ModelCIF file with pLDDT and N, C-alpha, C, O atoms, coordinates in Angstrom:
data_MODEL
#
_entry.id   MODEL 
#
_entity.id                         1 
_entity.type                       polymer 
_entity.pdbx_number_of_molecules   1 
#
_entity_poly.entity_id                      1 
_entity_poly.type                           'polypeptide(L)' 
_entity_poly.nstd_linkage                   no 
_entity_poly.nstd_monomer                   no 
_entity_poly.pdbx_seq_one_letter_code       RAVDALFVRLNNVAVDRLQLKANAFNDELHKYKARSP 
_entity_poly.pdbx_seq_one_letter_code_can   RAVDALFVRLNNVAVDRLQLKANAFNDELHKYKARSP 
_entity_poly.pdbx_strand_id                 A 
#
loop_
_entity_poly_seq.entity_id 
_entity_poly_seq.num 
_entity_poly_seq.mon_id 
_entity_poly_seq.hetero 
1 1  ARG n 
1 2  ALA n 
1 3  VAL n 
1 4  ASP n 
1 5  ALA n 
1 6  LEU n 
1 7  PHE n 
1 8  VAL n 
1 9  ARG n 
1 10 LEU n 
1 11 ASN n 
1 12 ASN n 
1 13 VAL n 
1 14 ALA n 
1 15 VAL n 
1 16 ASP n 
1 17 ARG n 
1 18 LEU n 
1 19 GLN n 
1 20 LEU n 
1 21 LYS n 
1 22 ALA n 
1 23 ASN n 
1 24 ALA n 
1 25 PHE n 
1 26 ASN n 
1 27 ASP n 
1 28 GLU n 
1 29 LEU n 
1 30 HIS n 
1 31 LYS n 
1 32 TYR n 
1 33 LYS n 
1 34 ALA n 
1 35 ARG n 
1 36 SER n 
1 37 PRO n 
#
_struct_asym.id          A 
_struct_asym.entity_id   1 
#
loop_
_ma_qa_metric.id 
_ma_qa_metric.mode 
_ma_qa_metric.name 
_ma_qa_metric.software_group_id 
_ma_qa_metric.type 
1 global pLDDT . pLDDT 
2 local  pLDDT . pLDDT 
#
_ma_qa_metric_global.metric_id      1 
_ma_qa_metric_global.metric_value   94.03 
_ma_qa_metric_global.model_id       1 
_ma_qa_metric_global.ordinal_id     1 
#
loop_
_ma_qa_metric_local.label_asym_id 
_ma_qa_metric_local.label_comp_id 
_ma_qa_metric_local.label_seq_id 
_ma_qa_metric_local.metric_id 
_ma_qa_metric_local.metric_value 
_ma_qa_metric_local.model_id 
_ma_qa_metric_local.ordinal_id 
A ARG 1  2 93.00 1 1  
A ALA 2  2 93.00 1 2  
A VAL 3  2 93.00 1 3  
A ASP 4  2 94.00 1 4  
A ALA 5  2 94.00 1 5  
A LEU 6  2 94.00 1 6  
A PHE 7  2 95.00 1 7  
A VAL 8  2 96.00 1 8  
A ARG 9  2 96.00 1 9  
A LEU 10 2 96.00 1 10 
A ASN 11 2 96.00 1 11 
A ASN 12 2 97.00 1 12 
A VAL 13 2 97.00 1 13 
A ALA 14 2 97.00 1 14 
A VAL 15 2 97.00 1 15 
A ASP 16 2 97.00 1 16 
A ARG 17 2 97.00 1 17 
A LEU 18 2 97.00 1 18 
A GLN 19 2 97.00 1 19 
A LEU 20 2 97.00 1 20 
A LYS 21 2 97.00 1 21 
A ALA 22 2 97.00 1 22 
A ASN 23 2 97.00 1 23 
A ALA 24 2 97.00 1 24 
A PHE 25 2 97.00 1 25 
A ASN 26 2 97.00 1 26 
A ASP 27 2 97.00 1 27 
A GLU 28 2 96.00 1 28 
A LEU 29 2 95.00 1 29 
A HIS 30 2 96.00 1 30 
A LYS 31 2 95.00 1 31 
A TYR 32 2 95.00 1 32 
A LYS 33 2 93.00 1 33 
A ALA 34 2 93.00 1 34 
A ARG 35 2 87.00 1 35 
A SER 36 2 71.00 1 36 
A PRO 37 2 66.00 1 37 
#
loop_
_atom_site.group_PDB 
_atom_site.id 
_atom_site.type_symbol 
_atom_site.label_atom_id 
_atom_site.label_alt_id 
_atom_site.label_comp_id 
_atom_site.label_asym_id 
_atom_site.label_entity_id 
_atom_site.label_seq_id 
_atom_site.pdbx_PDB_ins_code 
_atom_site.Cartn_x 
_atom_site.Cartn_y 
_atom_site.Cartn_z 
_atom_site.occupancy 
_atom_site.B_iso_or_equiv 
_atom_site.pdbx_formal_charge 
_atom_site.auth_seq_id 
_atom_site.auth_comp_id 
_atom_site.auth_asym_id 
_atom_site.auth_atom_id 
_atom_site.pdbx_PDB_model_num 
ATOM 1   N N  . ARG A 1 1  ? 0.840  -1.205 0.000   1.00 93.00 ? 1  ARG A N  1 
ATOM 2   C CA . ARG A 1 1  ? 0.000  0.000  0.000   1.00 93.00 ? 1  ARG A CA 1 
ATOM 3   C C  . ARG A 1 1  ? 0.874  1.253  0.000   1.00 93.00 ? 1  ARG A C  1 
ATOM 4   O O  . ARG A 1 1  ? 0.537  2.241  -0.653  1.00 93.00 ? 1  ARG A O  1 
ATOM 5   N N  . ALA A 1 2  ? 1.983  1.221  0.720   1.00 93.00 ? 2  ALA A N  1 
ATOM 6   C CA . ALA A 1 2  ? 2.891  2.371  0.759   1.00 93.00 ? 2  ALA A CA 1 
ATOM 7   C C  . ALA A 1 2  ? 3.534  2.598  -0.614  1.00 93.00 ? 2  ALA A C  1 
ATOM 8   O O  . ALA A 1 2  ? 3.716  3.741  -1.033  1.00 93.00 ? 2  ALA A O  1 
ATOM 9   N N  . VAL A 1 3  ? 3.873  1.523  -1.303  1.00 93.00 ? 3  VAL A N  1 
ATOM 10  C CA . VAL A 1 3  ? 4.430  1.642  -2.653  1.00 93.00 ? 3  VAL A CA 1 
ATOM 11  C C  . VAL A 1 3  ? 3.381  2.248  -3.577  1.00 93.00 ? 3  VAL A C  1 
ATOM 12  O O  . VAL A 1 3  ? 3.692  3.125  -4.383  1.00 93.00 ? 3  VAL A O  1 
ATOM 13  N N  . ASP A 1 4  ? 2.140  1.783  -3.463  1.00 94.00 ? 4  ASP A N  1 
ATOM 14  C CA . ASP A 1 4  ? 1.060  2.321  -4.285  1.00 94.00 ? 4  ASP A CA 1 
ATOM 15  C C  . ASP A 1 4  ? 0.838  3.799  -3.987  1.00 94.00 ? 4  ASP A C  1 
ATOM 16  O O  . ASP A 1 4  ? 0.606  4.591  -4.900  1.00 94.00 ? 4  ASP A O  1 
ATOM 17  N N  . ALA A 1 5  ? 0.910  4.172  -2.716  1.00 94.00 ? 5  ALA A N  1 
ATOM 18  C CA . ALA A 1 5  ? 0.731  5.579  -2.339  1.00 94.00 ? 5  ALA A CA 1 
ATOM 19  C C  . ALA A 1 5  ? 1.835  6.447  -2.945  1.00 94.00 ? 5  ALA A C  1 
ATOM 20  O O  . ALA A 1 5  ? 1.568  7.568  -3.377  1.00 94.00 ? 5  ALA A O  1 
ATOM 21  N N  . LEU A 1 6  ? 3.062  5.945  -2.981  1.00 94.00 ? 6  LEU A N  1 
ATOM 22  C CA . LEU A 1 6  ? 4.164  6.686  -3.607  1.00 94.00 ? 6  LEU A CA 1 
ATOM 23  C C  . LEU A 1 6  ? 3.893  6.853  -5.098  1.00 94.00 ? 6  LEU A C  1 
ATOM 24  O O  . LEU A 1 6  ? 4.065  7.941  -5.647  1.00 94.00 ? 6  LEU A O  1 
ATOM 25  N N  . PHE A 1 7  ? 3.469  5.770  -5.754  1.00 95.00 ? 7  PHE A N  1 
ATOM 26  C CA . PHE A 1 7  ? 3.133  5.849  -7.179  1.00 95.00 ? 7  PHE A CA 1 
ATOM 27  C C  . PHE A 1 7  ? 2.047  6.895  -7.409  1.00 95.00 ? 7  PHE A C  1 
ATOM 28  O O  . PHE A 1 7  ? 2.176  7.732  -8.303  1.00 95.00 ? 7  PHE A O  1 
ATOM 29  N N  . VAL A 1 8  ? 0.982  6.859  -6.616  1.00 96.00 ? 8  VAL A N  1 
ATOM 30  C CA . VAL A 1 8  ? -0.132 7.795  -6.790  1.00 96.00 ? 8  VAL A CA 1 
ATOM 31  C C  . VAL A 1 8  ? 0.343  9.229  -6.606  1.00 96.00 ? 8  VAL A C  1 
ATOM 32  O O  . VAL A 1 8  ? -0.045 10.114 -7.368  1.00 96.00 ? 8  VAL A O  1 
ATOM 33  N N  . ARG A 1 9  ? 1.185  9.465  -5.595  1.00 96.00 ? 9  ARG A N  1 
ATOM 34  C CA . ARG A 1 9  ? 1.684  10.822 -5.350  1.00 96.00 ? 9  ARG A CA 1 
ATOM 35  C C  . ARG A 1 9  ? 2.524  11.322 -6.519  1.00 96.00 ? 9  ARG A C  1 
ATOM 36  O O  . ARG A 1 9  ? 2.338  12.452 -6.972  1.00 96.00 ? 9  ARG A O  1 
ATOM 37  N N  . LEU A 1 10 ? 3.447  10.495 -7.013  1.00 96.00 ? 10 LEU A N  1 
ATOM 38  C CA . LEU A 1 10 ? 4.288  10.894 -8.143  1.00 96.00 ? 10 LEU A CA 1 
ATOM 39  C C  . LEU A 1 10 ? 3.441  11.114 -9.399  1.00 96.00 ? 10 LEU A C  1 
ATOM 40  O O  . LEU A 1 10 ? 3.667  12.061 -10.152 1.00 96.00 ? 10 LEU A O  1 
ATOM 41  N N  . ASN A 1 11 ? 2.474  10.238 -9.612  1.00 96.00 ? 11 ASN A N  1 
ATOM 42  C CA . ASN A 1 11 ? 1.574  10.364 -10.761 1.00 96.00 ? 11 ASN A CA 1 
ATOM 43  C C  . ASN A 1 11 ? 0.785  11.669 -10.677 1.00 96.00 ? 11 ASN A C  1 
ATOM 44  O O  . ASN A 1 11 ? 0.698  12.405 -11.660 1.00 96.00 ? 11 ASN A O  1 
ATOM 45  N N  . ASN A 1 12 ? 0.214  11.959 -9.516  1.00 97.00 ? 12 ASN A N  1 
ATOM 46  C CA . ASN A 1 12 ? -0.608 13.163 -9.370  1.00 97.00 ? 12 ASN A CA 1 
ATOM 47  C C  . ASN A 1 12 ? 0.213  14.436 -9.539  1.00 97.00 ? 12 ASN A C  1 
ATOM 48  O O  . ASN A 1 12 ? -0.259 15.398 -10.145 1.00 97.00 ? 12 ASN A O  1 
ATOM 49  N N  . VAL A 1 13 ? 1.422  14.453 -9.018  1.00 97.00 ? 13 VAL A N  1 
ATOM 50  C CA . VAL A 1 13 ? 2.288  15.630 -9.185  1.00 97.00 ? 13 VAL A CA 1 
ATOM 51  C C  . VAL A 1 13 ? 2.591  15.827 -10.672 1.00 97.00 ? 13 VAL A C  1 
ATOM 52  O O  . VAL A 1 13 ? 2.568  16.953 -11.168 1.00 97.00 ? 13 VAL A O  1 
ATOM 53  N N  . ALA A 1 14 ? 2.871  14.739 -11.378 1.00 97.00 ? 14 ALA A N  1 
ATOM 54  C CA . ALA A 1 14 ? 3.184  14.843 -12.802 1.00 97.00 ? 14 ALA A CA 1 
ATOM 55  C C  . ALA A 1 14 ? 1.977  15.333 -13.601 1.00 97.00 ? 14 ALA A C  1 
ATOM 56  O O  . ALA A 1 14 ? 2.114  16.188 -14.476 1.00 97.00 ? 14 ALA A O  1 
ATOM 57  N N  . VAL A 1 15 ? 0.793  14.788 -13.298 1.00 97.00 ? 15 VAL A N  1 
ATOM 58  C CA . VAL A 1 15 ? -0.418 15.210 -14.008 1.00 97.00 ? 15 VAL A CA 1 
ATOM 59  C C  . VAL A 1 15 ? -0.710 16.682 -13.722 1.00 97.00 ? 15 VAL A C  1 
ATOM 60  O O  . VAL A 1 15 ? -1.064 17.429 -14.634 1.00 97.00 ? 15 VAL A O  1 
ATOM 61  N N  . ASP A 1 16 ? -0.567 17.101 -12.478 1.00 97.00 ? 16 ASP A N  1 
ATOM 62  C CA . ASP A 1 16 ? -0.783 18.514 -12.140 1.00 97.00 ? 16 ASP A CA 1 
ATOM 63  C C  . ASP A 1 16 ? 0.189  19.410 -12.895 1.00 97.00 ? 16 ASP A C  1 
ATOM 64  O O  . ASP A 1 16 ? -0.188 20.473 -13.388 1.00 97.00 ? 16 ASP A O  1 
ATOM 65  N N  . ARG A 1 17 ? 1.437  18.975 -12.983 1.00 97.00 ? 17 ARG A N  1 
ATOM 66  C CA . ARG A 1 17 ? 2.464  19.740 -13.693 1.00 97.00 ? 17 ARG A CA 1 
ATOM 67  C C  . ARG A 1 17 ? 2.121  19.845 -15.176 1.00 97.00 ? 17 ARG A C  1 
ATOM 68  O O  . ARG A 1 17 ? 2.245  20.913 -15.776 1.00 97.00 ? 17 ARG A O  1 
ATOM 69  N N  . LEU A 1 18 ? 1.693  18.738 -15.754 1.00 97.00 ? 18 LEU A N  1 
ATOM 70  C CA . LEU A 1 18 ? 1.309  18.727 -17.164 1.00 97.00 ? 18 LEU A CA 1 
ATOM 71  C C  . LEU A 1 18 ? 0.131  19.672 -17.407 1.00 97.00 ? 18 LEU A C  1 
ATOM 72  O O  . LEU A 1 18 ? 0.140  20.446 -18.364 1.00 97.00 ? 18 LEU A O  1 
ATOM 73  N N  . GLN A 1 19 ? -0.871 19.607 -16.548 1.00 97.00 ? 19 GLN A N  1 
ATOM 74  C CA . GLN A 1 19 ? -2.032 20.481 -16.701 1.00 97.00 ? 19 GLN A CA 1 
ATOM 75  C C  . GLN A 1 19 ? -1.647 21.949 -16.559 1.00 97.00 ? 19 GLN A C  1 
ATOM 76  O O  . GLN A 1 19 ? -2.148 22.797 -17.298 1.00 97.00 ? 19 GLN A O  1 
ATOM 77  N N  . LEU A 1 20 ? -0.771 22.249 -15.628 1.00 97.00 ? 20 LEU A N  1 
ATOM 78  C CA . LEU A 1 20 ? -0.327 23.629 -15.423 1.00 97.00 ? 20 LEU A CA 1 
ATOM 79  C C  . LEU A 1 20 ? 0.343  24.177 -16.685 1.00 97.00 ? 20 LEU A C  1 
ATOM 80  O O  . LEU A 1 20 ? 0.055  25.297 -17.108 1.00 97.00 ? 20 LEU A O  1 
ATOM 81  N N  . LYS A 1 21 ? 1.229  23.393 -17.278 1.00 97.00 ? 21 LYS A N  1 
ATOM 82  C CA . LYS A 1 21 ? 1.946  23.847 -18.481 1.00 97.00 ? 21 LYS A CA 1 
ATOM 83  C C  . LYS A 1 21 ? 1.005  23.943 -19.679 1.00 97.00 ? 21 LYS A C  1 
ATOM 84  O O  . LYS A 1 21 ? 1.099  24.889 -20.461 1.00 97.00 ? 21 LYS A O  1 
ATOM 85  N N  . ALA A 1 22 ? 0.107  22.984 -19.832 1.00 97.00 ? 22 ALA A N  1 
ATOM 86  C CA . ALA A 1 22 ? -0.849 23.031 -20.945 1.00 97.00 ? 22 ALA A CA 1 
ATOM 87  C C  . ALA A 1 22 ? -1.791 24.223 -20.791 1.00 97.00 ? 22 ALA A C  1 
ATOM 88  O O  . ALA A 1 22 ? -2.098 24.910 -21.766 1.00 97.00 ? 22 ALA A O  1 
ATOM 89  N N  . ASN A 1 23 ? -2.245 24.464 -19.570 1.00 97.00 ? 23 ASN A N  1 
ATOM 90  C CA . ASN A 1 23 ? -3.133 25.605 -19.327 1.00 97.00 ? 23 ASN A CA 1 
ATOM 91  C C  . ASN A 1 23 ? -2.424 26.934 -19.606 1.00 97.00 ? 23 ASN A C  1 
ATOM 92  O O  . ASN A 1 23 ? -3.028 27.861 -20.145 1.00 97.00 ? 23 ASN A O  1 
ATOM 93  N N  . ALA A 1 24 ? -1.156 27.022 -19.243 1.00 97.00 ? 24 ALA A N  1 
ATOM 94  C CA . ALA A 1 24 ? -0.399 28.257 -19.497 1.00 97.00 ? 24 ALA A CA 1 
ATOM 95  C C  . ALA A 1 24 ? -0.323 28.523 -20.999 1.00 97.00 ? 24 ALA A C  1 
ATOM 96  O O  . ALA A 1 24 ? -0.518 29.653 -21.447 1.00 97.00 ? 24 ALA A O  1 
ATOM 97  N N  . PHE A 1 25 ? -0.040 27.477 -21.770 1.00 97.00 ? 25 PHE A N  1 
ATOM 98  C CA . PHE A 1 25 ? 0.002  27.654 -23.222 1.00 97.00 ? 25 PHE A CA 1 
ATOM 99  C C  . PHE A 1 25 ? -1.378 28.028 -23.756 1.00 97.00 ? 25 PHE A C  1 
ATOM 100 O O  . PHE A 1 25 ? -1.509 28.958 -24.552 1.00 97.00 ? 25 PHE A O  1 
ATOM 101 N N  . ASN A 1 26 ? -2.399 27.306 -23.318 1.00 97.00 ? 26 ASN A N  1 
ATOM 102 C CA . ASN A 1 26 ? -3.755 27.565 -23.823 1.00 97.00 ? 26 ASN A CA 1 
ATOM 103 C C  . ASN A 1 26 ? -4.226 28.984 -23.490 1.00 97.00 ? 26 ASN A C  1 
ATOM 104 O O  . ASN A 1 26 ? -4.906 29.619 -24.296 1.00 97.00 ? 26 ASN A O  1 
ATOM 105 N N  . ASP A 1 27 ? -3.868 29.474 -22.313 1.00 97.00 ? 27 ASP A N  1 
ATOM 106 C CA . ASP A 1 27 ? -4.233 30.850 -21.953 1.00 97.00 ? 27 ASP A CA 1 
ATOM 107 C C  . ASP A 1 27 ? -3.613 31.849 -22.935 1.00 97.00 ? 27 ASP A C  1 
ATOM 108 O O  . ASP A 1 27 ? -4.278 32.784 -23.381 1.00 97.00 ? 27 ASP A O  1 
ATOM 109 N N  . GLU A 1 28 ? -2.350 31.646 -23.263 1.00 96.00 ? 28 GLU A N  1 
ATOM 110 C CA . GLU A 1 28 ? -1.678 32.549 -24.198 1.00 96.00 ? 28 GLU A CA 1 
ATOM 111 C C  . GLU A 1 28 ? -2.223 32.369 -25.619 1.00 96.00 ? 28 GLU A C  1 
ATOM 112 O O  . GLU A 1 28 ? -2.305 33.332 -26.381 1.00 96.00 ? 28 GLU A O  1 
ATOM 113 N N  . LEU A 1 29 ? -2.589 31.152 -25.967 1.00 95.00 ? 29 LEU A N  1 
ATOM 114 C CA . LEU A 1 29 ? -3.168 30.905 -27.285 1.00 95.00 ? 29 LEU A CA 1 
ATOM 115 C C  . LEU A 1 29 ? -4.508 31.633 -27.423 1.00 95.00 ? 29 LEU A C  1 
ATOM 116 O O  . LEU A 1 29 ? -4.803 32.193 -28.479 1.00 95.00 ? 29 LEU A O  1 
ATOM 117 N N  . HIS A 1 30 ? -5.309 31.628 -26.372 1.00 96.00 ? 30 HIS A N  1 
ATOM 118 C CA . HIS A 1 30 ? -6.584 32.357 -26.405 1.00 96.00 ? 30 HIS A CA 1 
ATOM 119 C C  . HIS A 1 30 ? -6.344 33.855 -26.584 1.00 96.00 ? 30 HIS A C  1 
ATOM 120 O O  . HIS A 1 30 ? -7.066 34.516 -27.331 1.00 96.00 ? 30 HIS A O  1 
ATOM 121 N N  . LYS A 1 31 ? -5.339 34.387 -25.906 1.00 95.00 ? 31 LYS A N  1 
ATOM 122 C CA . LYS A 1 31 ? -5.009 35.812 -26.077 1.00 95.00 ? 31 LYS A CA 1 
ATOM 123 C C  . LYS A 1 31 ? -4.580 36.082 -27.517 1.00 95.00 ? 31 LYS A C  1 
ATOM 124 O O  . LYS A 1 31 ? -4.975 37.078 -28.124 1.00 95.00 ? 31 LYS A O  1 
ATOM 125 N N  . TYR A 1 32 ? -3.767 35.178 -28.046 1.00 95.00 ? 32 TYR A N  1 
ATOM 126 C CA . TYR A 1 32 ? -3.279 35.330 -29.428 1.00 95.00 ? 32 TYR A CA 1 
ATOM 127 C C  . TYR A 1 32 ? -4.457 35.331 -30.397 1.00 95.00 ? 32 TYR A C  1 
ATOM 128 O O  . TYR A 1 32 ? -4.546 36.199 -31.266 1.00 95.00 ? 32 TYR A O  1 
ATOM 129 N N  . LYS A 1 33 ? -5.353 34.369 -30.253 1.00 93.00 ? 33 LYS A N  1 
ATOM 130 C CA . LYS A 1 33 ? -6.500 34.254 -31.162 1.00 93.00 ? 33 LYS A CA 1 
ATOM 131 C C  . LYS A 1 33 ? -7.467 35.421 -30.996 1.00 93.00 ? 33 LYS A C  1 
ATOM 132 O O  . LYS A 1 33 ? -8.135 35.808 -31.955 1.00 93.00 ? 33 LYS A O  1 
ATOM 133 N N  . ALA A 1 34 ? -7.552 35.985 -29.797 1.00 93.00 ? 34 ALA A N  1 
ATOM 134 C CA . ALA A 1 34 ? -8.471 37.116 -29.554 1.00 93.00 ? 34 ALA A CA 1 
ATOM 135 C C  . ALA A 1 34 ? -7.996 38.391 -30.249 1.00 93.00 ? 34 ALA A C  1 
ATOM 136 O O  . ALA A 1 34 ? -8.794 39.291 -30.508 1.00 93.00 ? 34 ALA A O  1 
ATOM 137 N N  . ARG A 1 35 ? -6.707 38.470 -30.552 1.00 87.00 ? 35 ARG A N  1 
ATOM 138 C CA . ARG A 1 35 ? -6.177 39.663 -31.230 1.00 87.00 ? 35 ARG A CA 1 
ATOM 139 C C  . ARG A 1 35 ? -6.787 39.843 -32.605 1.00 87.00 ? 35 ARG A C  1 
ATOM 140 O O  . ARG A 1 35 ? -7.104 40.959 -33.019 1.00 87.00 ? 35 ARG A O  1 
ATOM 141 N N  . SER A 1 36 ? -6.945 38.739 -33.302 1.00 71.00 ? 36 SER A N  1 
ATOM 142 C CA . SER A 1 36 ? -7.491 38.807 -34.659 1.00 71.00 ? 36 SER A CA 1 
ATOM 143 C C  . SER A 1 36 ? -8.020 37.433 -35.033 1.00 71.00 ? 36 SER A C  1 
ATOM 144 O O  . SER A 1 36 ? -7.258 36.467 -35.043 1.00 71.00 ? 36 SER A O  1 
ATOM 145 N N  . PRO A 1 37 ? -9.289 37.323 -35.336 1.00 66.00 ? 37 PRO A N  1 
ATOM 146 C CA . PRO A 1 37 ? -9.861 36.019 -35.683 1.00 66.00 ? 37 PRO A CA 1 
ATOM 147 C C  . PRO A 1 37 ? -9.205 35.386 -36.904 1.00 66.00 ? 37 PRO A C  1 
ATOM 148 O O  . PRO A 1 37 ? -9.587 34.288 -37.310 1.00 66.00 ? 37 PRO A O  1 
#
């Protein structure tokens, strides 16, 4: 169970990191697209 908990923690940190970076790009992409359709 402790090994599984370590896996879950590492997985969740990685997924959060991925979402943060994707969201940062998407936010800037929306700004870019809003400048001119």
